[in-house]
Amino acid sequence: MPAAQRPIELIQARSLIASLSTAAFLVDEDGNLLFYNAAAEELLGLRFDEAGEMAPDQWGSRFSPRQPGGAPLAVEDLPLTVALRHGLPGHARMEITAADGAEHQIAVSAIPIRGQSGQHGAFAIFWPA
């Protein structure tokens, strides 16, 4: 969906995320990655304008999210997925592999985005753990 047709809540969330110095992701109600900010670019080793928007299975596996200790973490168990499917905040500690091959341990908290017409997506903030 073009940005002009997106719910105002997602447009405002993108503006907020762009201004944060904490790494953050924004997804729509279908789980499509719409944006991540400069702090996330630094941690992920990939600029958003190079990565672009991604479907849930793409962003859910692109950075190889794993449980602490290395066991795979399914897309269904990621905090953003929890926020989208259940309309509740989600939190997890995990390991990821950045695009440049760097390994990171991070903590992630995701929050659903709701408006008058229902849930429109979710955003997550993450930081080194």
N, C-alpha and C. Protein backbone atom coordinates (compact mmCIF):
# COMPACT_ATOMS: atom_id res chain seq x y z
N MET A 1 0.85 -1.17 0.00
CA MET A 1 0.00 0.00 0.00
C MET A 1 0.89 1.24 0.00
N PRO A 2 0.67 2.19 -0.89
CA PRO A 2 1.47 3.42 -0.91
C PRO A 2 1.35 4.17 0.42
N ALA A 3 2.42 4.88 0.79
CA ALA A 3 2.45 5.59 2.08
C ALA A 3 1.27 6.53 2.24
N ALA A 4 0.83 7.19 1.17
CA ALA A 4 -0.28 8.13 1.25
C ALA A 4 -1.58 7.44 1.65
N GLN A 5 -1.70 6.14 1.41
CA GLN A 5 -2.92 5.41 1.72
C GLN A 5 -2.83 4.67 3.05
N ARG A 6 -1.70 4.74 3.71
CA ARG A 6 -1.53 4.03 4.98
C ARG A 6 -2.28 4.78 6.09
N PRO A 7 -2.71 4.05 7.11
CA PRO A 7 -3.38 4.71 8.24
C PRO A 7 -2.45 5.76 8.87
N ILE A 8 -3.05 6.82 9.35
CA ILE A 8 -2.30 7.92 9.95
C ILE A 8 -1.42 7.42 11.11
N GLU A 9 -1.88 6.40 11.82
CA GLU A 9 -1.10 5.87 12.94
C GLU A 9 0.25 5.33 12.48
N LEU A 10 0.29 4.69 11.30
CA LEU A 10 1.56 4.17 10.77
C LEU A 10 2.45 5.30 10.29
N ILE A 11 1.85 6.32 9.69
CA ILE A 11 2.63 7.47 9.24
C ILE A 11 3.26 8.17 10.43
N GLN A 12 2.49 8.36 11.49
CA GLN A 12 3.01 9.00 12.69
C GLN A 12 4.06 8.12 13.37
N ALA A 13 3.84 6.81 13.40
CA ALA A 13 4.81 5.90 14.01
C ALA A 13 6.13 5.95 13.26
N ARG A 14 6.08 6.02 11.94
CA ARG A 14 7.32 6.11 11.16
C ARG A 14 8.07 7.39 11.50
N SER A 15 7.36 8.48 11.64
CA SER A 15 7.98 9.75 12.00
C SER A 15 8.64 9.66 13.37
N LEU A 16 7.95 9.05 14.33
CA LEU A 16 8.52 8.86 15.66
C LEU A 16 9.78 8.01 15.60
N ILE A 17 9.69 6.87 14.92
CA ILE A 17 10.81 5.94 14.83
C ILE A 17 12.02 6.60 14.16
N ALA A 18 11.78 7.40 13.14
CA ALA A 18 12.87 8.09 12.44
C ALA A 18 13.62 9.02 13.37
N SER A 19 12.94 9.56 14.37
CA SER A 19 13.58 10.52 15.28
C SER A 19 14.25 9.87 16.48
N LEU A 20 14.06 8.58 16.68
CA LEU A 20 14.65 7.89 17.84
C LEU A 20 16.12 7.58 17.63
N SER A 21 16.89 7.61 18.71
CA SER A 21 18.28 7.17 18.66
C SER A 21 18.39 5.70 19.07
N THR A 22 17.26 5.08 19.40
CA THR A 22 17.17 3.66 19.71
C THR A 22 16.74 2.94 18.44
N ALA A 23 17.34 1.80 18.14
CA ALA A 23 16.99 1.04 16.95
C ALA A 23 15.52 0.65 16.99
N ALA A 24 14.83 0.79 15.85
CA ALA A 24 13.40 0.48 15.80
C ALA A 24 12.97 0.02 14.41
N PHE A 25 11.98 -0.89 14.39
CA PHE A 25 11.33 -1.45 13.19
C PHE A 25 9.87 -1.03 13.20
N LEU A 26 9.27 -0.91 12.02
CA LEU A 26 7.84 -0.66 11.89
C LEU A 26 7.27 -1.65 10.88
N VAL A 27 6.19 -2.33 11.27
CA VAL A 27 5.51 -3.26 10.36
C VAL A 27 4.03 -2.90 10.28
N ASP A 28 3.41 -3.26 9.13
CA ASP A 28 1.98 -3.02 8.96
C ASP A 28 1.19 -4.19 9.54
N GLU A 29 -0.14 -4.14 9.38
CA GLU A 29 -1.01 -5.16 9.98
C GLU A 29 -0.78 -6.55 9.42
N ASP A 30 -0.16 -6.65 8.25
CA ASP A 30 0.15 -7.95 7.66
C ASP A 30 1.56 -8.41 8.01
N GLY A 31 2.28 -7.59 8.78
CA GLY A 31 3.63 -7.95 9.18
C GLY A 31 4.71 -7.53 8.20
N ASN A 32 4.35 -6.78 7.17
CA ASN A 32 5.35 -6.31 6.21
C ASN A 32 6.19 -5.21 6.83
N LEU A 33 7.50 -5.35 6.74
CA LEU A 33 8.41 -4.33 7.26
C LEU A 33 8.28 -3.09 6.40
N LEU A 34 7.93 -1.96 7.03
CA LEU A 34 7.74 -0.70 6.32
C LEU A 34 8.94 0.22 6.46
N PHE A 35 9.66 0.08 7.58
CA PHE A 35 10.74 1.03 7.84
C PHE A 35 11.56 0.57 9.03
N TYR A 36 12.86 0.87 9.00
CA TYR A 36 13.67 0.86 10.21
C TYR A 36 14.59 2.06 10.18
N ASN A 37 14.96 2.53 11.37
CA ASN A 37 15.66 3.81 11.48
C ASN A 37 17.18 3.67 11.39
N ALA A 38 17.86 4.83 11.48
CA ALA A 38 19.32 4.87 11.34
C ALA A 38 20.02 4.05 12.42
N ALA A 39 19.50 4.06 13.64
CA ALA A 39 20.11 3.26 14.71
C ALA A 39 20.01 1.77 14.38
N ALA A 40 18.90 1.35 13.80
CA ALA A 40 18.74 -0.05 13.39
C ALA A 40 19.68 -0.37 12.23
N GLU A 41 19.84 0.58 11.30
CA GLU A 41 20.76 0.38 10.18
C GLU A 41 22.17 0.07 10.70
N GLU A 42 22.59 0.83 11.70
CA GLU A 42 23.93 0.64 12.25
C GLU A 42 24.07 -0.75 12.88
N LEU A 43 23.10 -1.16 13.66
CA LEU A 43 23.15 -2.47 14.31
C LEU A 43 23.00 -3.62 13.31
N LEU A 44 22.16 -3.44 12.31
CA LEU A 44 21.90 -4.50 11.33
C LEU A 44 22.93 -4.54 10.19
N GLY A 45 23.73 -3.48 10.09
CA GLY A 45 24.75 -3.45 9.04
C GLY A 45 24.18 -3.31 7.65
N LEU A 46 22.99 -2.72 7.53
CA LEU A 46 22.32 -2.59 6.24
C LEU A 46 21.40 -1.38 6.28
N ARG A 47 21.58 -0.46 5.33
CA ARG A 47 20.71 0.71 5.26
C ARG A 47 19.32 0.30 4.79
N PHE A 48 18.30 0.97 5.33
CA PHE A 48 16.93 0.63 4.94
C PHE A 48 16.70 0.88 3.46
N ASP A 49 17.26 1.96 2.93
CA ASP A 49 17.02 2.23 1.50
C ASP A 49 17.67 1.18 0.60
N GLU A 50 18.61 0.41 1.13
CA GLU A 50 19.19 -0.72 0.38
C GLU A 50 18.35 -1.99 0.57
N ALA A 51 17.83 -2.17 1.76
CA ALA A 51 17.04 -3.36 2.08
C ALA A 51 15.62 -3.24 1.54
N GLY A 52 14.99 -2.09 1.75
CA GLY A 52 13.62 -1.87 1.32
C GLY A 52 12.60 -2.59 2.18
N GLU A 53 11.36 -2.45 1.80
CA GLU A 53 10.28 -3.12 2.51
C GLU A 53 10.42 -4.63 2.32
N MET A 54 10.03 -5.39 3.34
CA MET A 54 10.17 -6.85 3.29
C MET A 54 8.93 -7.52 3.85
N ALA A 55 8.60 -8.67 3.30
CA ALA A 55 7.52 -9.51 3.83
C ALA A 55 7.98 -10.11 5.16
N PRO A 56 7.04 -10.57 5.99
CA PRO A 56 7.40 -11.11 7.31
C PRO A 56 8.42 -12.24 7.27
N ASP A 57 8.27 -13.16 6.32
CA ASP A 57 9.23 -14.27 6.27
C ASP A 57 10.62 -13.79 5.88
N GLN A 58 10.71 -12.68 5.15
CA GLN A 58 12.02 -12.14 4.76
C GLN A 58 12.71 -11.49 5.95
N TRP A 59 12.02 -10.51 6.60
CA TRP A 59 12.69 -9.85 7.72
C TRP A 59 12.80 -10.78 8.90
N GLY A 60 11.88 -11.73 9.02
CA GLY A 60 11.93 -12.68 10.13
C GLY A 60 13.09 -13.64 10.06
N SER A 61 13.69 -13.78 8.88
CA SER A 61 14.84 -14.69 8.74
C SER A 61 16.10 -13.97 8.26
N ARG A 62 15.97 -12.76 7.72
CA ARG A 62 17.09 -12.02 7.11
C ARG A 62 18.29 -11.89 8.05
N PHE A 63 18.02 -11.66 9.33
CA PHE A 63 19.09 -11.43 10.29
C PHE A 63 19.28 -12.62 11.24
N SER A 64 18.80 -13.78 10.82
CA SER A 64 18.98 -15.05 11.53
C SER A 64 18.70 -14.95 13.03
N PRO A 65 17.48 -14.54 13.42
CA PRO A 65 17.19 -14.46 14.86
C PRO A 65 17.25 -15.83 15.52
N ARG A 66 17.92 -15.85 16.67
CA ARG A 66 18.09 -17.09 17.42
C ARG A 66 17.85 -16.83 18.90
N GLN A 67 17.49 -17.87 19.60
CA GLN A 67 17.40 -17.77 21.05
C GLN A 67 18.81 -17.63 21.60
N PRO A 68 18.97 -17.05 22.79
CA PRO A 68 20.31 -17.04 23.39
C PRO A 68 20.83 -18.47 23.45
N GLY A 69 22.02 -18.67 22.99
CA GLY A 69 22.59 -20.01 22.92
C GLY A 69 22.55 -20.60 21.52
N GLY A 70 21.79 -19.97 20.60
CA GLY A 70 21.86 -20.36 19.21
C GLY A 70 20.70 -21.13 18.63
N ALA A 71 19.74 -21.61 19.43
CA ALA A 71 18.60 -22.34 18.86
C ALA A 71 17.77 -21.40 17.98
N PRO A 72 17.29 -21.88 16.83
CA PRO A 72 16.50 -21.03 15.93
C PRO A 72 15.28 -20.44 16.64
N LEU A 73 14.91 -19.24 16.25
CA LEU A 73 13.73 -18.57 16.77
C LEU A 73 12.76 -18.41 15.61
N ALA A 74 11.63 -19.07 15.68
CA ALA A 74 10.64 -19.03 14.60
C ALA A 74 10.03 -17.65 14.47
N VAL A 75 9.63 -17.29 13.26
CA VAL A 75 8.99 -16.00 13.00
C VAL A 75 7.79 -15.82 13.93
N GLU A 76 7.05 -16.89 14.20
CA GLU A 76 5.87 -16.82 15.06
C GLU A 76 6.21 -16.42 16.49
N ASP A 77 7.45 -16.63 16.91
CA ASP A 77 7.86 -16.33 18.28
C ASP A 77 8.53 -14.97 18.43
N LEU A 78 8.72 -14.26 17.34
CA LEU A 78 9.35 -12.95 17.41
C LEU A 78 8.40 -11.94 18.06
N PRO A 79 8.93 -11.00 18.85
CA PRO A 79 8.06 -10.03 19.53
C PRO A 79 7.11 -9.28 18.60
N LEU A 80 7.56 -8.90 17.40
CA LEU A 80 6.66 -8.20 16.47
C LEU A 80 5.50 -9.09 16.05
N THR A 81 5.76 -10.36 15.85
CA THR A 81 4.69 -11.29 15.48
C THR A 81 3.69 -11.43 16.62
N VAL A 82 4.19 -11.53 17.84
CA VAL A 82 3.32 -11.61 19.02
C VAL A 82 2.43 -10.36 19.10
N ALA A 83 3.04 -9.18 18.91
CA ALA A 83 2.27 -7.93 18.98
C ALA A 83 1.18 -7.90 17.90
N LEU A 84 1.51 -8.37 16.71
CA LEU A 84 0.54 -8.36 15.62
C LEU A 84 -0.58 -9.38 15.81
N ARG A 85 -0.22 -10.59 16.15
CA ARG A 85 -1.22 -11.68 16.22
C ARG A 85 -2.11 -11.61 17.44
N HIS A 86 -1.54 -11.13 18.55
CA HIS A 86 -2.29 -11.16 19.80
C HIS A 86 -2.68 -9.77 20.30
N GLY A 87 -2.16 -8.72 19.63
CA GLY A 87 -2.48 -7.36 20.05
C GLY A 87 -1.91 -7.01 21.41
N LEU A 88 -0.84 -7.70 21.79
CA LEU A 88 -0.21 -7.51 23.09
C LEU A 88 1.27 -7.20 22.91
N PRO A 89 1.86 -6.48 23.86
CA PRO A 89 3.30 -6.25 23.78
C PRO A 89 4.05 -7.59 23.84
N GLY A 90 5.19 -7.64 23.15
CA GLY A 90 6.04 -8.83 23.17
C GLY A 90 7.46 -8.42 23.51
N HIS A 91 8.19 -9.29 24.16
CA HIS A 91 9.58 -9.00 24.51
C HIS A 91 10.39 -10.28 24.43
N ALA A 92 11.62 -10.16 23.99
CA ALA A 92 12.52 -11.32 23.95
C ALA A 92 13.98 -10.85 23.91
N ARG A 93 14.83 -11.70 24.40
CA ARG A 93 16.27 -11.54 24.19
C ARG A 93 16.62 -12.53 23.09
N MET A 94 17.49 -12.11 22.20
CA MET A 94 17.85 -12.99 21.09
C MET A 94 19.23 -12.64 20.56
N GLU A 95 19.69 -13.48 19.67
CA GLU A 95 20.93 -13.24 18.95
C GLU A 95 20.57 -13.04 17.49
N ILE A 96 21.30 -12.14 16.82
CA ILE A 96 21.09 -11.93 15.39
C ILE A 96 22.45 -11.87 14.70
N THR A 97 22.43 -12.05 13.40
CA THR A 97 23.61 -11.87 12.57
C THR A 97 23.34 -10.70 11.64
N ALA A 98 24.14 -9.64 11.77
CA ALA A 98 23.97 -8.46 10.92
C ALA A 98 24.38 -8.79 9.49
N ALA A 99 24.01 -7.92 8.57
CA ALA A 99 24.34 -8.12 7.16
C ALA A 99 25.84 -8.19 6.92
N ASP A 100 26.62 -7.53 7.79
CA ASP A 100 28.08 -7.55 7.64
C ASP A 100 28.71 -8.75 8.34
N GLY A 101 27.88 -9.66 8.88
CA GLY A 101 28.37 -10.86 9.53
C GLY A 101 28.59 -10.73 11.02
N ALA A 102 28.47 -9.53 11.57
CA ALA A 102 28.66 -9.33 13.01
C ALA A 102 27.52 -9.99 13.79
N GLU A 103 27.88 -10.61 14.88
CA GLU A 103 26.90 -11.26 15.76
C GLU A 103 26.54 -10.29 16.88
N HIS A 104 25.25 -10.21 17.22
CA HIS A 104 24.78 -9.31 18.27
C HIS A 104 23.79 -10.03 19.17
N GLN A 105 23.89 -9.77 20.45
CA GLN A 105 22.85 -10.18 21.39
C GLN A 105 22.02 -8.93 21.64
N ILE A 106 20.71 -9.05 21.44
CA ILE A 106 19.83 -7.90 21.59
C ILE A 106 18.62 -8.25 22.45
N ALA A 107 18.01 -7.20 22.98
CA ALA A 107 16.71 -7.30 23.63
C ALA A 107 15.73 -6.55 22.73
N VAL A 108 14.54 -7.11 22.55
CA VAL A 108 13.54 -6.53 21.66
C VAL A 108 12.21 -6.41 22.40
N SER A 109 11.60 -5.24 22.29
CA SER A 109 10.25 -5.04 22.82
C SER A 109 9.37 -4.52 21.69
N ALA A 110 8.22 -5.15 21.49
CA ALA A 110 7.30 -4.77 20.41
C ALA A 110 5.96 -4.36 21.00
N ILE A 111 5.34 -3.38 20.34
CA ILE A 111 4.07 -2.83 20.80
C ILE A 111 3.11 -2.74 19.61
N PRO A 112 1.88 -3.23 19.78
CA PRO A 112 0.91 -3.10 18.69
C PRO A 112 0.52 -1.63 18.48
N ILE A 113 0.16 -1.29 17.25
CA ILE A 113 -0.33 0.05 16.91
C ILE A 113 -1.80 -0.08 16.58
N ARG A 114 -2.63 0.57 17.37
CA ARG A 114 -4.08 0.51 17.17
C ARG A 114 -4.63 1.90 16.91
N GLY A 115 -5.66 1.92 16.10
CA GLY A 115 -6.39 3.16 15.84
C GLY A 115 -7.86 2.92 16.05
N GLN A 116 -8.68 3.89 15.71
CA GLN A 116 -10.12 3.75 15.89
C GLN A 116 -10.70 2.61 15.07
N SER A 117 -10.08 2.32 13.94
CA SER A 117 -10.62 1.25 13.08
C SER A 117 -9.93 -0.09 13.31
N GLY A 118 -9.15 -0.23 14.39
CA GLY A 118 -8.52 -1.50 14.71
C GLY A 118 -7.01 -1.44 14.70
N GLN A 119 -6.42 -2.60 14.65
CA GLN A 119 -4.96 -2.70 14.68
C GLN A 119 -4.38 -2.44 13.28
N HIS A 120 -3.34 -1.60 13.24
CA HIS A 120 -2.75 -1.21 11.97
C HIS A 120 -1.33 -1.73 11.77
N GLY A 121 -0.74 -2.28 12.81
CA GLY A 121 0.63 -2.75 12.72
C GLY A 121 1.26 -2.82 14.09
N ALA A 122 2.58 -2.74 14.11
CA ALA A 122 3.32 -2.79 15.36
C ALA A 122 4.70 -2.18 15.14
N PHE A 123 5.34 -1.78 16.23
CA PHE A 123 6.72 -1.36 16.11
C PHE A 123 7.51 -2.02 17.23
N ALA A 124 8.79 -2.16 16.97
CA ALA A 124 9.68 -2.76 17.95
C ALA A 124 10.90 -1.89 18.12
N ILE A 125 11.35 -1.81 19.35
CA ILE A 125 12.64 -1.17 19.63
C ILE A 125 13.58 -2.26 20.08
N PHE A 126 14.85 -2.10 19.77
CA PHE A 126 15.82 -3.11 20.18
C PHE A 126 17.15 -2.46 20.46
N TRP A 127 17.90 -3.11 21.32
CA TRP A 127 19.18 -2.58 21.77
C TRP A 127 20.09 -3.73 22.16
N PRO A 128 21.41 -3.49 22.19
CA PRO A 128 22.34 -4.55 22.60
C PRO A 128 22.02 -5.02 24.01
N ALA A 129 22.03 -6.31 24.21
CA ALA A 129 21.71 -6.87 25.54
C ALA A 129 22.98 -7.26 26.27
